[in-house]
């Protein structure tokens, strides 16, 4: 039985191959986002821009991507006692985990 090896992460030079890979990877990413939302009852928003600038988005609930991302933007850049929040890093990401005691 043949095992999959690690894929070297580097830019795919051939334009057609790169577009095919983008399409397949995007589909897989959206599938995982959907599975996470269903299995874990998580509210998920995913935004992807293609190399050509086309927007693809996934939202797990009736809310919009803007509303979900707005929640992250509205979080203060400090640790709050009842939440275990890692402050936003320089790329604008925020990692929020509810602390259970």
C-alpha atoms as a PDB file:
ATOM      1  CA  UNK A   1       0.000   0.000   0.000  1.00  0.00           C
ATOM      2  CA  UNK A   2       1.377   3.372  -1.012  1.00  0.00           C
ATOM      3  CA  UNK A   3       1.536   6.048   1.664  1.00  0.00           C
ATOM      4  CA  UNK A   4       1.258   9.733   1.038  1.00  0.00           C
ATOM      5  CA  UNK A   5       4.411  11.653   1.718  1.00  0.00           C
ATOM      6  CA  UNK A   6       4.738  15.207   2.874  1.00  0.00           C
ATOM      7  CA  UNK A   7       4.064  17.730   0.181  1.00  0.00           C
ATOM      8  CA  UNK A   8       6.741  20.353  -0.236  1.00  0.00           C
ATOM      9  CA  UNK A   9       4.985  23.684   0.195  1.00  0.00           C
ATOM     10  CA  UNK A  10       6.092  25.942  -2.586  1.00  0.00           C
ATOM     11  CA  UNK A  11       4.369  27.905  -5.295  1.00  0.00           C
ATOM     12  CA  UNK A  12       3.103  25.821  -8.211  1.00  0.00           C
ATOM     13  CA  UNK A  13       4.686  27.323 -11.304  1.00  0.00           C
ATOM     14  CA  UNK A  14       2.308  25.925 -13.930  1.00  0.00           C
ATOM     15  CA  UNK A  15      -0.729  28.229 -14.054  1.00  0.00           C
ATOM     16  CA  UNK A  16      -3.258  25.520 -14.942  1.00  0.00           C
ATOM     17  CA  UNK A  17      -2.004  23.151 -12.248  1.00  0.00           C
ATOM     18  CA  UNK A  18      -2.044  25.988  -9.732  1.00  0.00           C
ATOM     19  CA  UNK A  19      -5.686  26.839 -10.572  1.00  0.00           C
ATOM     20  CA  UNK A  20      -6.752  23.183 -10.332  1.00  0.00           C
ATOM     21  CA  UNK A  21      -4.973  22.799  -6.994  1.00  0.00           C
ATOM     22  CA  UNK A  22      -6.533  26.018  -5.696  1.00  0.00           C
ATOM     23  CA  UNK A  23      -9.998  24.825  -6.649  1.00  0.00           C
ATOM     24  CA  UNK A  24      -9.551  21.414  -5.010  1.00  0.00           C
ATOM     25  CA  UNK A  25      -7.967  22.832  -1.860  1.00  0.00           C
ATOM     26  CA  UNK A  26     -10.659  25.510  -1.585  1.00  0.00           C
ATOM     27  CA  UNK A  27     -13.378  22.867  -1.836  1.00  0.00           C
ATOM     28  CA  UNK A  28     -11.684  20.782   0.857  1.00  0.00           C
ATOM     29  CA  UNK A  29     -11.295  23.797   3.125  1.00  0.00           C
ATOM     30  CA  UNK A  30     -14.962  24.734   2.781  1.00  0.00           C
ATOM     31  CA  UNK A  31     -15.969  21.127   3.454  1.00  0.00           C
ATOM     32  CA  UNK A  32     -13.908  21.134   6.665  1.00  0.00           C
ATOM     33  CA  UNK A  33     -15.453  24.453   7.725  1.00  0.00           C
ATOM     34  CA  UNK A  34     -18.930  22.999   7.192  1.00  0.00           C
ATOM     35  CA  UNK A  35     -18.047  19.821   9.122  1.00  0.00           C
ATOM     36  CA  UNK A  36     -16.661  21.871  12.024  1.00  0.00           C
ATOM     37  CA  UNK A  37     -19.843  23.920  12.183  1.00  0.00           C
ATOM     38  CA  UNK A  38     -22.119  20.855  12.126  1.00  0.00           C
ATOM     39  CA  UNK A  39     -20.149  18.496  14.358  1.00  0.00           C
ATOM     40  CA  UNK A  40     -19.163  21.046  16.993  1.00  0.00           C
ATOM     41  CA  UNK A  41     -22.048  23.505  16.684  1.00  0.00           C
ATOM     42  CA  UNK A  42     -19.452  26.188  15.963  1.00  0.00           C
ATOM     43  CA  UNK A  43     -20.151  29.487  14.288  1.00  0.00           C
ATOM     44  CA  UNK A  44     -17.752  29.553  11.352  1.00  0.00           C
ATOM     45  CA  UNK A  45     -16.964  32.241   8.778  1.00  0.00           C
ATOM     46  CA  UNK A  46     -14.412  31.642   6.057  1.00  0.00           C
ATOM     47  CA  UNK A  47     -13.264  34.095   3.395  1.00  0.00           C
ATOM     48  CA  UNK A  48     -10.963  33.143   0.523  1.00  0.00           C
ATOM     49  CA  UNK A  49      -9.776  35.291  -2.358  1.00  0.00           C
ATOM     50  CA  UNK A  50      -8.577  33.534  -5.493  1.00  0.00           C
ATOM     51  CA  UNK A  51      -5.355  34.634  -7.190  1.00  0.00           C
ATOM     52  CA  UNK A  52      -7.606  36.486  -9.656  1.00  0.00           C
ATOM     53  CA  UNK A  53      -9.283  38.322  -6.781  1.00  0.00           C
ATOM     54  CA  UNK A  54     -12.594  36.446  -6.807  1.00  0.00           C
ATOM     55  CA  UNK A  55     -14.276  36.201  -3.404  1.00  0.00           C
ATOM     56  CA  UNK A  56     -15.447  32.885  -1.957  1.00  0.00           C
ATOM     57  CA  UNK A  57     -17.098  32.802   1.449  1.00  0.00           C
ATOM     58  CA  UNK A  58     -18.713  30.343   3.826  1.00  0.00           C
ATOM     59  CA  UNK A  59     -20.896  31.223   6.808  1.00  0.00           C
ATOM     60  CA  UNK A  60     -22.322  28.536   9.061  1.00  0.00           C
ATOM     61  CA  UNK A  61     -25.324  30.436  10.368  1.00  0.00           C
ATOM     62  CA  UNK A  62     -27.907  32.998   9.294  1.00  0.00           C
ATOM     63  CA  UNK A  63     -25.511  35.814  10.157  1.00  0.00           C
ATOM     64  CA  UNK A  64     -23.149  37.426   7.681  1.00  0.00           C
ATOM     65  CA  UNK A  65     -19.389  37.152   7.408  1.00  0.00           C
ATOM     66  CA  UNK A  66     -19.179  40.818   8.408  1.00  0.00           C
ATOM     67  CA  UNK A  67     -21.143  40.180  11.618  1.00  0.00           C
ATOM     68  CA  UNK A  68     -18.963  37.241  12.633  1.00  0.00           C
ATOM     69  CA  UNK A  69     -15.694  39.029  11.829  1.00  0.00           C
ATOM     70  CA  UNK A  70     -17.043  42.127  13.563  1.00  0.00           C
ATOM     71  CA  UNK A  71     -17.242  40.130  16.772  1.00  0.00           C
ATOM     72  CA  UNK A  72     -13.512  39.463  16.552  1.00  0.00           C
ATOM     73  CA  UNK A  73     -12.753  43.090  15.756  1.00  0.00           C
ATOM     74  CA  UNK A  74     -14.782  44.322  18.737  1.00  0.00           C
ATOM     75  CA  UNK A  75     -12.818  42.261  21.258  1.00  0.00           C
ATOM     76  CA  UNK A  76     -10.446  44.442  23.268  1.00  0.00           C
ATOM     77  CA  UNK A  77      -6.721  43.829  22.920  1.00  0.00           C
ATOM     78  CA  UNK A  78      -6.412  42.528  26.469  1.00  0.00           C
ATOM     79  CA  UNK A  79      -7.130  39.375  28.396  1.00  0.00           C
ATOM     80  CA  UNK A  80     -10.570  39.366  29.989  1.00  0.00           C
ATOM     81  CA  UNK A  81     -11.026  37.345  33.191  1.00  0.00           C
ATOM     82  CA  UNK A  82     -13.851  35.062  32.059  1.00  0.00           C
ATOM     83  CA  UNK A  83     -12.347  34.485  28.602  1.00  0.00           C
ATOM     84  CA  UNK A  84      -8.943  33.122  27.733  1.00  0.00           C
ATOM     85  CA  UNK A  85      -8.110  35.465  24.862  1.00  0.00           C
ATOM     86  CA  UNK A  86      -4.808  35.661  23.088  1.00  0.00           C
ATOM     87  CA  UNK A  87      -4.498  39.273  21.936  1.00  0.00           C
ATOM     88  CA  UNK A  88      -4.563  39.886  18.225  1.00  0.00           C
ATOM     89  CA  UNK A  89      -1.216  39.438  16.585  1.00  0.00           C
ATOM     90  CA  UNK A  90       0.226  41.752  13.968  1.00  0.00           C
ATOM     91  CA  UNK A  91      -1.673  40.001  11.152  1.00  0.00           C
ATOM     92  CA  UNK A  92      -5.016  40.778  12.793  1.00  0.00           C
ATOM     93  CA  UNK A  93      -5.881  37.254  13.867  1.00  0.00           C
ATOM     94  CA  UNK A  94      -7.476  36.691  17.213  1.00  0.00           C
ATOM     95  CA  UNK A  95      -7.654  33.411  19.066  1.00  0.00           C
ATOM     96  CA  UNK A  96     -10.603  33.148  21.433  1.00  0.00           C
ATOM     97  CA  UNK A  97     -11.187  30.240  23.754  1.00  0.00           C
ATOM     98  CA  UNK A  98     -13.805  30.253  26.451  1.00  0.00           C
ATOM     99  CA  UNK A  99     -12.205  29.253  29.738  1.00  0.00           C
ATOM    100  CA  UNK A 100     -14.042  26.634  31.769  1.00  0.00           C
ATOM    101  CA  UNK A 101     -13.235  26.214  35.419  1.00  0.00           C
END
